[in-house]
C-alpha cells in the first residue's frame, strides 16, 4: 500500500513509518513539526519508498494532494502533552478538531480508510475500571482546560463514526494509553522520559500531586503492531479500540523504580498540580484499559511490560547524558523522599 501518516514525524508516527517501510509499503508523512521533529525521520529520508511534507493537517490543498496519492491514512497529527494542552487550549482544540475534519472530508471523496488516533483522556473521571470502549464517559467542567483536550478528541471520534455511518467512509478509532519508547520527547510533560532524564542527572524527580494516581504504560512497538493488525481485519471498520497494556502502576512507585534501576541519587519531590499547571487543571486518579476487545478482534497482546519498558527507555536516554547505566540491574535501595 501507499500510506499517509499525518503527524508522521512525531514519536508514534515515526515508529509506524519504520514498520510500514519494513513490510514493503510506501509512506508519505505530513507534519508541521510543532511537536514532531525532523530528527525522528532523518534516518528514513533516503529510503526510496519514503517522502515527507512539512505542512499543516488543516491545509486543505496539502491534505487533498496527499490523499489522492495514498491508499489509506493514519491520522496521528494532534496537539499532544499536558503542558501544551494547558498552555495553548485554543491551539489544542482547533488543531485536533479542524485537522480531523480536513482529513475525513478528503478521505470521503474516494472512501479511503482512515485510522483516527484518539486518547484515554476521553474516559475522563469515570470510576468504572478498567475502561471499556462502550462505557459512559465522564468529563469535568469546561473551566478545567484538560477536559477541552479530551472533548476535542471525543469530537474527533464522533466525527469519524459519523462519516462512517452517513458517508460510508471506512474508519477505525484507536484510544492510546500512555505509549512509551525511543524518540518520545520530555518537553511536553511525558512522565517516563522526564523521570529518566531527572534520575540520570541525579536531579529530584518531580512527582505531581501525591503520586497515588495510576497509569498503564505501553511499549511503542506493541502499539504499532496493534495498528497494523487492525487495518488487516475488515471487522475493525466502524469500531473503537483501546490500545494499551492492562498493567497499572502508581506514579510514585514508577518514580522509585526508575531511581532504583538507574542507581541514581535522586529524591522524590512532590509538587501540586496547581503549582505546575495552574488552578484550571484537574487530574485523573486512575487510567487503565480493558484490552479484551482488540484481543478478540486481532489477537493483540502486549509483549513488553513495565520493567523492560523502563530498561529500554533508560538505555535510550543514558548516552545522551554520557552515563553508562546497568539498566537491567535493579539496585536494591530505596530513594529518599522530599516534600514541597
Protein backbone atom coordinates (compact mmCIF):
# COMPACT_ATOMS: atom_id res chain seq x y z
CA UNK A 1 0.00 0.00 0.00
CA UNK A 2 0.83 3.65 -0.12
CA UNK A 3 0.12 5.07 3.33
CA UNK A 4 -0.22 8.65 4.52
CA UNK A 5 0.71 9.36 8.15
CA UNK A 6 -0.33 12.76 9.46
CA UNK A 7 1.92 13.65 12.37
CA UNK A 8 4.41 11.15 11.00
CA UNK A 9 7.44 13.00 12.37
CA UNK A 10 6.13 12.51 15.88
CA UNK A 11 7.03 9.80 18.34
CA UNK A 12 4.45 7.15 17.42
CA UNK A 13 4.25 8.23 13.79
CA UNK A 14 7.95 7.74 13.13
CA UNK A 15 7.87 4.21 14.55
CA UNK A 16 4.80 3.41 12.47
CA UNK A 17 6.55 4.72 9.35
CA UNK A 18 9.51 2.41 10.04
CA UNK A 19 7.25 -0.61 10.41
CA UNK A 20 5.32 0.14 7.21
CA UNK A 21 8.51 0.58 5.20
CA UNK A 22 9.94 -2.62 6.64
CA UNK A 23 6.98 -4.61 5.38
CA UNK A 24 7.21 -3.08 1.91
CA UNK A 25 4.70 -0.23 1.94
CA UNK A 26 5.25 3.28 0.61
CA UNK A 27 4.95 6.01 3.24
CA UNK A 28 4.11 9.71 2.92
CA UNK A 29 4.39 11.85 6.04
CA UNK A 30 2.68 15.18 6.69
CA UNK A 31 3.86 17.09 9.77
CA UNK A 32 4.13 20.75 10.72
CA UNK A 33 6.91 19.96 13.25
CA UNK A 34 5.06 21.74 16.04
CA UNK A 35 5.56 18.72 18.30
CA UNK A 36 7.16 16.30 15.86
CA UNK A 37 10.84 16.56 14.99
CA UNK A 38 12.67 16.14 11.71
CA UNK A 39 15.29 14.12 13.62
CA UNK A 40 12.68 11.41 14.20
CA UNK A 41 12.50 10.64 10.49
CA UNK A 42 16.01 11.69 9.40
CA UNK A 43 17.09 8.04 9.08
CA UNK A 44 14.16 7.37 6.72
CA UNK A 45 14.68 10.24 4.30
CA UNK A 46 16.97 8.26 1.98
CA UNK A 47 14.55 5.34 1.72
CA UNK A 48 13.16 5.13 -1.85
CA UNK A 49 9.61 4.49 -0.59
CA UNK A 50 9.55 7.37 1.89
CA UNK A 51 8.60 11.00 1.39
CA UNK A 52 7.61 13.81 3.72
CA UNK A 53 5.87 17.15 3.50
CA UNK A 54 6.27 19.91 6.09
CA UNK A 55 2.82 21.37 6.43
CA UNK A 56 -0.35 21.54 8.49
CA UNK A 57 -3.05 18.91 8.62
CA UNK A 58 -5.54 21.78 8.45
CA UNK A 59 -4.21 22.76 4.99
CA UNK A 60 -7.00 21.51 2.72
CA UNK A 61 -4.99 21.53 -0.51
CA UNK A 62 -1.96 19.77 1.00
CA UNK A 63 -4.11 17.05 2.54
CA UNK A 64 -6.11 16.68 -0.70
CA UNK A 65 -2.95 16.19 -2.78
CA UNK A 66 -1.51 13.60 -0.42
CA UNK A 67 -4.84 11.82 -0.02
CA UNK A 68 -5.14 11.45 -3.80
CA UNK A 69 -1.86 9.53 -3.85
CA UNK A 70 -2.42 7.22 -0.89
CA UNK A 71 -4.50 4.10 -0.26
CA UNK A 72 -5.19 4.85 3.40
CA UNK A 73 -4.31 7.26 6.21
CA UNK A 74 -3.18 7.02 9.79
CA UNK A 75 -4.31 10.32 11.27
CA UNK A 76 -1.98 10.91 14.22
CA UNK A 77 -1.49 14.68 13.94
CA UNK A 78 -2.73 16.41 17.08
CA UNK A 79 -1.78 18.70 19.91
CA UNK A 80 -0.15 16.44 22.49
CA UNK A 81 1.24 16.63 26.01
CA UNK A 82 -0.23 18.06 29.18
CA UNK A 83 1.98 21.16 29.16
CA UNK A 84 0.97 22.12 25.61
CA UNK A 85 -2.70 21.36 26.22
CA UNK A 86 -2.81 23.54 29.34
CA UNK A 87 -0.78 26.44 27.93
CA UNK A 88 -2.44 26.60 24.48
CA UNK A 89 -6.07 25.48 24.76
CA UNK A 90 -7.27 27.32 21.63
CA UNK A 91 -4.49 25.82 19.51
CA UNK A 92 -5.24 22.39 21.00
CA UNK A 93 -8.95 22.39 20.17
CA UNK A 94 -8.57 23.95 16.73
CA UNK A 95 -5.74 21.61 15.71
CA UNK A 96 -7.48 18.47 16.88
CA UNK A 97 -10.96 19.20 15.54
CA UNK A 98 -10.17 21.05 12.31
CA UNK A 99 -7.35 18.68 11.43
CA UNK A 100 -9.53 15.61 11.79
CA UNK A 101 -12.35 17.27 9.86
CA UNK A 102 -9.98 18.05 6.98
CA UNK A 103 -8.63 14.50 6.81
CA UNK A 104 -12.07 12.89 6.91
CA UNK A 105 -13.53 15.28 4.34
CA UNK A 106 -10.76 14.48 1.88
CA UNK A 107 -10.93 10.75 2.57
CA UNK A 108 -14.66 10.84 1.89
CA UNK A 109 -14.11 11.81 -1.76
CA UNK A 110 -12.76 8.32 -2.52
CA UNK A 111 -13.92 6.36 0.56
CA UNK A 112 -10.39 5.68 1.76
CA UNK A 113 -9.68 4.06 5.12
CA UNK A 114 -8.69 6.41 7.96
CA UNK A 115 -7.37 5.29 11.33
CA UNK A 116 -8.13 8.14 13.76
CA UNK A 117 -5.91 8.36 16.82
CA UNK A 118 -7.78 9.25 20.00
CA UNK A 119 -6.76 9.05 23.63
CA UNK A 120 -7.55 7.50 27.00
CA UNK A 121 -8.29 11.05 28.17
CA UNK A 122 -11.82 10.70 26.76
CA UNK A 123 -12.72 8.42 29.68
CA UNK A 124 -12.29 11.42 31.96
CA UNK A 125 -13.24 10.88 35.59
CA UNK A 126 -15.11 7.63 35.09
CA UNK A 127 -14.99 5.43 38.20
CA UNK A 128 -15.71 2.20 36.31
CA UNK A 129 -12.44 0.30 35.82
CA UNK A 130 -10.88 -0.95 33.64
CA UNK A 131 -12.01 1.44 30.90
CA UNK A 132 -14.13 -0.26 28.23
CA UNK A 133 -14.82 1.20 24.80
CA UNK A 134 -18.59 1.02 25.32
CA UNK A 135 -18.52 2.66 28.76
CA UNK A 136 -20.07 6.01 29.64
CA UNK A 137 -17.58 8.89 29.54
CA UNK A 138 -17.40 11.33 32.46
CA UNK A 139 -15.70 14.65 31.75
CA UNK A 140 -15.10 17.53 34.15
CA UNK A 141 -16.27 21.16 33.88
CA UNK A 142 -15.25 23.41 30.96
CA UNK A 143 -13.15 25.74 33.11
CA UNK A 144 -10.67 22.88 33.60
CA UNK A 145 -8.52 23.06 30.47
CA UNK A 146 -7.65 19.37 30.44
CA UNK A 147 -11.22 18.49 29.52
CA UNK A 148 -11.02 20.77 26.50
CA UNK A 149 -8.40 18.41 25.09
CA UNK A 150 -10.47 15.34 25.98
CA UNK A 151 -13.55 16.91 24.41
CA UNK A 152 -11.70 17.77 21.20
CA UNK A 153 -10.57 14.16 20.82
CA UNK A 154 -14.06 12.92 21.60
CA UNK A 155 -15.43 15.17 18.85
CA UNK A 156 -12.85 13.55 16.55
CA UNK A 157 -14.31 10.16 17.43
CA UNK A 158 -17.91 11.28 16.88
CA UNK A 159 -16.94 12.88 13.59
CA UNK A 160 -15.13 9.76 12.35
CA UNK A 161 -18.04 7.47 13.21
CA UNK A 162 -20.48 9.94 11.64
CA UNK A 163 -18.54 9.82 8.36
CA UNK A 164 -18.71 6.02 8.52
CA UNK A 165 -22.43 6.00 9.22
CA UNK A 166 -23.52 8.74 6.85
CA UNK A 167 -20.98 8.60 4.01
CA UNK A 168 -19.57 5.07 4.32
CA UNK A 169 -16.01 6.30 4.84
CA UNK A 170 -14.17 3.36 6.43
CA UNK A 171 -12.76 4.50 9.78
CA UNK A 172 -11.14 2.88 12.79
CA UNK A 173 -10.80 4.81 16.05
CA UNK A 174 -7.98 3.90 18.46
CA UNK A 175 -7.56 5.18 22.01
CA UNK A 176 -3.89 5.23 23.04
CA UNK A 177 -2.88 4.69 26.67
CA UNK A 178 0.47 6.26 27.73
CA UNK A 179 2.73 4.99 24.96
CA UNK A 180 6.46 4.89 25.71
CA UNK A 181 9.62 4.35 23.65
CA UNK A 182 12.60 5.88 21.85
CA UNK A 183 12.18 9.41 20.46
CA UNK A 184 9.49 10.33 22.95
CA UNK A 185 10.16 13.90 23.96
CA UNK A 186 10.37 15.03 27.57
CA UNK A 187 9.29 18.55 26.53
CA UNK A 188 5.55 18.19 26.98
CA UNK A 189 5.23 16.56 30.39
CA UNK A 190 5.64 12.92 29.32
CA UNK A 191 6.28 11.26 32.65
CA UNK A 192 8.72 8.42 31.94
CA UNK A 193 11.17 10.43 29.77
CA UNK A 194 11.11 13.19 32.37
CA UNK A 195 11.70 10.83 35.29
CA UNK A 196 14.51 9.03 33.44
CA UNK A 197 16.21 12.27 32.45
CA UNK A 198 15.98 13.59 36.02
CA UNK A 199 17.26 10.33 37.51
CA UNK A 200 20.23 10.13 35.15
CA UNK A 201 21.17 13.67 36.16
CA UNK A 202 20.73 12.91 39.89
CA UNK A 203 18.05 15.61 39.95
CA UNK A 204 14.88 15.43 42.07
CA UNK A 205 12.10 13.52 40.33
CA UNK A 206 9.14 15.92 40.24
CA UNK A 207 6.01 13.98 41.16
CA UNK A 208 2.73 15.76 40.51
CA UNK A 209 0.31 15.61 43.42
CA UNK A 210 0.89 12.86 45.97
CA UNK A 211 1.87 10.29 43.33
CA UNK A 212 -1.03 7.96 44.10
CA UNK A 213 -2.53 8.43 40.63
CA UNK A 214 -2.07 5.34 38.45
CA UNK A 215 -1.29 4.87 34.79
CA UNK A 216 -0.85 1.99 32.35
CA UNK A 217 2.21 2.16 30.08
CA UNK A 218 2.55 0.55 26.65
CA UNK A 219 5.66 -0.02 24.54
CA UNK A 220 5.50 1.81 21.20
CA UNK A 221 6.29 -1.38 19.27
CA UNK A 222 3.20 -3.04 20.73
CA UNK A 223 1.09 -0.04 19.73
CA UNK A 224 2.39 -0.18 16.16
CA UNK A 225 1.74 -3.93 15.98
CA UNK A 226 -1.82 -3.31 17.15
CA UNK A 227 -2.38 -0.65 14.48
CA UNK A 228 -1.10 -2.89 11.69
CA UNK A 229 -3.26 -5.78 12.88
CA UNK A 230 -6.39 -3.63 12.95
CA UNK A 231 -6.07 -2.39 9.36
CA UNK A 232 -5.74 -6.02 8.21
CA UNK A 233 -9.04 -7.00 9.88
CA UNK A 234 -12.16 -5.87 7.95
CA UNK A 235 -14.34 -6.21 11.07
CA UNK A 236 -12.37 -3.36 12.66
CA UNK A 237 -14.02 -0.73 10.45
CA UNK A 238 -16.53 1.41 12.30
CA UNK A 239 -15.17 0.32 15.68
CA UNK A 240 -13.38 1.96 18.61
CA UNK A 241 -10.44 0.17 20.25
CA UNK A 242 -8.27 0.69 23.31
CA UNK A 243 -4.59 0.07 22.58
CA UNK A 244 -2.67 -0.27 25.80
CA UNK A 245 -1.32 -2.55 28.47
CA UNK A 246 -3.61 -3.74 31.23
CA UNK A 247 -0.94 -3.40 33.95
CA UNK A 248 -1.25 -0.46 36.34
CA UNK A 249 1.33 1.40 38.45
CA UNK A 250 1.20 4.48 40.67
CA UNK A 251 3.33 7.44 39.63
CA UNK A 252 5.12 7.35 43.00
CA UNK A 253 6.06 3.69 42.53
CA UNK A 254 7.09 4.39 38.96
CA UNK A 255 9.49 7.11 40.12
CA UNK A 256 11.00 4.84 42.74
CA UNK A 257 11.51 2.06 40.20
CA UNK A 258 13.35 4.42 37.86
CA UNK A 259 15.61 5.69 40.64
CA UNK A 260 16.46 2.12 41.62
CA UNK A 261 17.08 0.96 38.05
CA UNK A 262 19.40 3.89 37.24
CA UNK A 263 21.27 3.71 40.56
CA UNK A 264 20.51 7.40 40.91
CA UNK A 265 20.98 9.59 43.98
CA UNK A 266 17.77 11.41 43.13
CA UNK A 267 15.00 12.04 45.64
CA UNK A 268 11.27 12.39 45.06
CA UNK A 269 9.86 15.90 45.19
CA UNK A 270 6.09 16.25 45.42
CA UNK A 271 4.58 19.34 43.79
CA UNK A 272 0.87 20.06 43.50
CA UNK A 273 -0.73 20.04 40.06
CA UNK A 274 -1.85 23.63 40.58
CA UNK A 275 1.72 24.79 41.17
CA UNK A 276 2.73 23.35 37.80
CA UNK A 277 -0.33 23.78 35.62
CA UNK A 278 -2.36 26.47 37.39
CA UNK A 279 -5.79 26.43 39.00
CA UNK A 280 -7.60 25.35 35.82
CA UNK A 281 -6.19 21.84 35.90
CA UNK A 282 -7.73 18.59 37.06
CA UNK A 283 -6.09 15.16 37.07
CA UNK A 284 -7.38 11.63 36.51
CA UNK A 285 -6.94 9.36 39.55
CA UNK A 286 -6.66 6.14 37.52
CA UNK A 287 -6.22 5.22 33.88
CA UNK A 288 -6.21 1.55 32.97
CA UNK A 289 -7.65 -0.03 29.81
CA UNK A 290 -9.72 -3.10 29.15
CA UNK A 291 -7.95 -4.56 26.10
CA UNK A 292 -10.22 -7.57 25.61
CA UNK A 293 -11.90 -6.08 22.52
CA UNK A 294 -8.72 -5.66 20.48
CA UNK A 295 -7.55 -9.06 21.73
CA UNK A 296 -10.76 -10.65 20.46
CA UNK A 297 -10.62 -8.89 17.09
CA UNK A 298 -6.95 -9.30 16.16
CA UNK A 299 -5.23 -11.29 18.93
CA UNK A 300 -3.43 -8.22 20.27
CA UNK A 301 -1.27 -8.96 23.30
CA UNK A 302 1.37 -6.59 24.73
CA UNK A 303 4.79 -8.24 24.59
CA UNK A 304 6.84 -5.67 26.54
CA UNK A 305 5.91 -4.91 30.15
CA UNK A 306 6.87 -2.24 32.65
CA UNK A 307 10.30 -3.41 33.85
CA UNK A 308 11.50 -3.92 30.28
CA UNK A 309 9.89 -0.68 29.10
CA UNK A 310 11.84 1.21 31.76
CA UNK A 311 15.08 -0.65 31.00
CA UNK A 312 14.81 0.15 27.29
CA UNK A 313 13.94 3.79 27.96
CA UNK A 314 16.91 4.16 30.29
CA UNK A 315 19.16 2.58 27.66
CA UNK A 316 17.90 5.15 25.15
CA UNK A 317 18.44 8.21 27.37
CA UNK A 318 21.69 7.22 29.10
CA UNK A 319 24.02 8.01 26.15
CA UNK A 320 22.51 11.49 25.94
CA UNK A 321 23.82 12.03 29.47
CA UNK A 322 27.17 10.28 28.76
CA UNK A 323 26.37 7.81 31.53
CA UNK A 324 26.88 4.05 31.46
CA UNK A 325 23.88 2.66 33.31
CA UNK A 326 23.34 -1.02 34.13
CA UNK A 327 19.71 -0.59 33.04
CA UNK A 328 18.76 -4.21 33.52
CA UNK A 329 20.14 -4.38 37.04
CA UNK A 330 17.80 -3.16 39.77
CA UNK A 331 19.72 -1.50 42.57
CA UNK A 332 18.45 -2.73 45.95
CA UNK A 333 17.91 0.53 47.77
CA UNK A 334 15.07 2.97 48.28
CA UNK A 335 15.15 6.68 47.38
CA UNK A 336 14.76 9.37 49.96
CA UNK A 337 11.61 11.45 49.81
CA UNK A 338 11.27 15.21 49.85
CA UNK A 339 8.07 17.19 50.15
CA UNK A 340 7.33 20.65 48.78
